[in-house]
Amino acid sequence: MAAQVDALSNAGPVSRELYKELLTALKPIGSFRTEVKKTSIHLVRKSAFAGVHPRKAHLLLTVKADQPIRSPRIAKSEQISKNRWHLEIKIAEAGDINAELLKWLRTAYDLCA
């Protein structure tokens, strides 16, 4: 039987380390669970507040928002319903997991209460 392939098994060592650092940085916001999928990992409170898409040397992070956010860090902003946006942010180094990003994630976490 073939080994199960998921988002982390396909990730490069850099993105696996960034993922660990992201989870550590998120601990103070409250409890959540991770759902490892084939190509992504959902960070879930009552619903998913973020999606992590590991690549070889970085992470693509999709964060739920209740309004568009203007920032050069946001690679893509997509309105998915009347009051929901998905913001895509590239995390290429540990310094990208900073207060600004954690504020966006905290807001997303609160939206999923």
Protein backbone atom coordinates (compact mmCIF):
# COMPACT_ATOMS: atom_id res chain seq x y z
CA MET A 1 0.00 0.00 0.00
CA ALA A 2 1.39 3.43 -0.97
CA ALA A 3 2.15 5.99 1.72
CA GLN A 4 -0.48 8.68 2.22
CA VAL A 5 0.50 11.91 0.50
CA ASP A 6 -0.54 15.14 2.19
CA ALA A 7 0.40 18.81 2.16
CA LEU A 8 3.23 18.39 4.69
CA SER A 9 4.80 15.33 3.10
CA ASN A 10 5.14 17.24 -0.18
CA ALA A 11 6.49 20.40 1.49
CA GLY A 12 10.15 21.35 1.45
CA PRO A 13 12.15 21.61 4.70
CA VAL A 14 11.98 25.43 4.64
CA SER A 15 8.20 25.47 4.42
CA ARG A 16 7.86 22.76 7.10
CA GLU A 17 9.96 24.90 9.46
CA LEU A 18 7.93 28.03 8.63
CA TYR A 19 4.75 26.07 9.33
CA LYS A 20 6.05 25.06 12.78
CA GLU A 21 6.96 28.68 13.52
CA LEU A 22 3.51 29.85 12.39
CA LEU A 23 1.77 27.37 14.71
CA THR A 24 3.96 28.49 17.63
CA ALA A 25 3.16 32.16 16.92
CA LEU A 26 -0.58 31.36 16.82
CA LYS A 27 -0.73 29.57 20.20
CA PRO A 28 -1.56 32.74 22.20
CA ILE A 29 -4.72 33.49 20.17
CA GLY A 30 -6.59 30.45 21.49
CA SER A 31 -7.34 26.85 20.71
CA PHE A 32 -7.82 25.60 17.18
CA ARG A 33 -7.26 22.38 15.30
CA THR A 34 -5.39 21.59 12.12
CA GLU A 35 -6.92 19.61 9.29
CA VAL A 36 -4.21 18.30 6.98
CA LYS A 37 -5.53 17.90 3.44
CA LYS A 38 -3.84 16.69 0.26
CA THR A 39 -2.57 20.14 -0.81
CA SER A 40 -3.24 22.38 2.19
CA ILE A 41 -3.73 22.56 5.94
CA HIS A 42 -6.80 24.24 7.39
CA LEU A 43 -6.53 26.07 10.70
CA VAL A 44 -9.97 25.64 12.23
CA ARG A 45 -11.83 27.17 15.16
CA LYS A 46 -15.53 26.48 14.44
CA SER A 47 -14.75 26.95 10.76
CA ALA A 48 -11.46 27.52 8.94
CA PHE A 49 -9.92 30.90 9.66
CA ALA A 50 -6.82 30.25 7.56
CA GLY A 51 -5.42 27.86 5.01
CA VAL A 52 -1.74 27.00 4.71
CA HIS A 53 -0.44 25.91 1.32
CA PRO A 54 3.13 24.58 1.71
CA ARG A 55 5.49 25.00 -1.21
CA LYS A 56 9.12 23.91 -1.51
CA ALA A 57 10.64 27.11 -0.05
CA HIS A 58 7.70 29.15 1.30
CA LEU A 59 4.11 29.05 2.49
CA LEU A 60 1.08 30.58 0.84
CA LEU A 61 -1.30 31.56 3.60
CA THR A 62 -4.97 32.27 2.91
CA VAL A 63 -6.57 34.32 5.69
CA LYS A 64 -10.31 34.92 6.08
CA ALA A 65 -11.36 38.58 6.49
CA ASP A 66 -14.58 40.55 6.81
CA GLN A 67 -13.29 43.37 4.60
CA PRO A 68 -10.54 43.89 2.04
CA ILE A 69 -7.17 44.86 3.48
CA ARG A 70 -4.75 47.01 1.53
CA SER A 71 -1.16 45.96 2.05
CA PRO A 72 1.75 45.26 -0.29
CA ARG A 73 2.07 41.91 1.54
CA ILE A 74 -1.26 40.67 0.19
CA ALA A 75 -0.61 38.93 -3.11
CA LYS A 76 -4.29 38.32 -3.84
CA SER A 77 -7.57 39.48 -2.32
CA GLU A 78 -10.76 37.73 -3.35
CA GLN A 79 -14.30 38.51 -2.22
CA ILE A 80 -16.01 35.17 -1.66
CA SER A 81 -19.36 36.44 -0.31
CA LYS A 82 -21.02 39.67 0.78
CA ASN A 83 -18.91 40.05 3.93
CA ARG A 84 -16.02 37.63 3.40
CA TRP A 85 -12.69 37.95 1.67
CA HIS A 86 -9.78 35.56 1.29
CA LEU A 87 -6.39 37.25 1.50
CA GLU A 88 -3.36 35.42 0.14
CA ILE A 89 0.00 36.16 1.77
CA LYS A 90 3.41 34.65 0.96
CA ILE A 91 5.53 33.65 3.96
CA ALA A 92 9.11 33.18 2.80
CA GLU A 93 11.02 33.69 6.04
CA ALA A 94 10.40 33.69 9.80
CA GLY A 95 10.33 37.51 9.84
CA ASP A 96 7.16 37.40 7.73
CA ILE A 97 5.35 35.93 10.76
CA ASN A 98 5.10 39.30 12.48
CA ALA A 99 2.63 41.44 14.46
CA GLU A 100 0.82 42.61 11.30
CA LEU A 101 0.21 39.05 10.09
CA LEU A 102 -0.79 37.87 13.57
CA LYS A 103 -3.30 40.74 13.81
CA TRP A 104 -4.94 39.58 10.56
CA LEU A 105 -4.99 36.00 11.83
CA ARG A 106 -6.48 37.10 15.18
CA THR A 107 -9.28 38.91 13.34
CA ALA A 108 -9.88 35.81 11.19
CA TYR A 109 -9.91 33.62 14.31
CA ASP A 110 -12.50 35.90 15.93
CA LEU A 111 -14.68 35.73 12.78
CA CYS A 112 -14.84 31.96 13.18
CA ALA A 113 -16.10 31.91 16.80
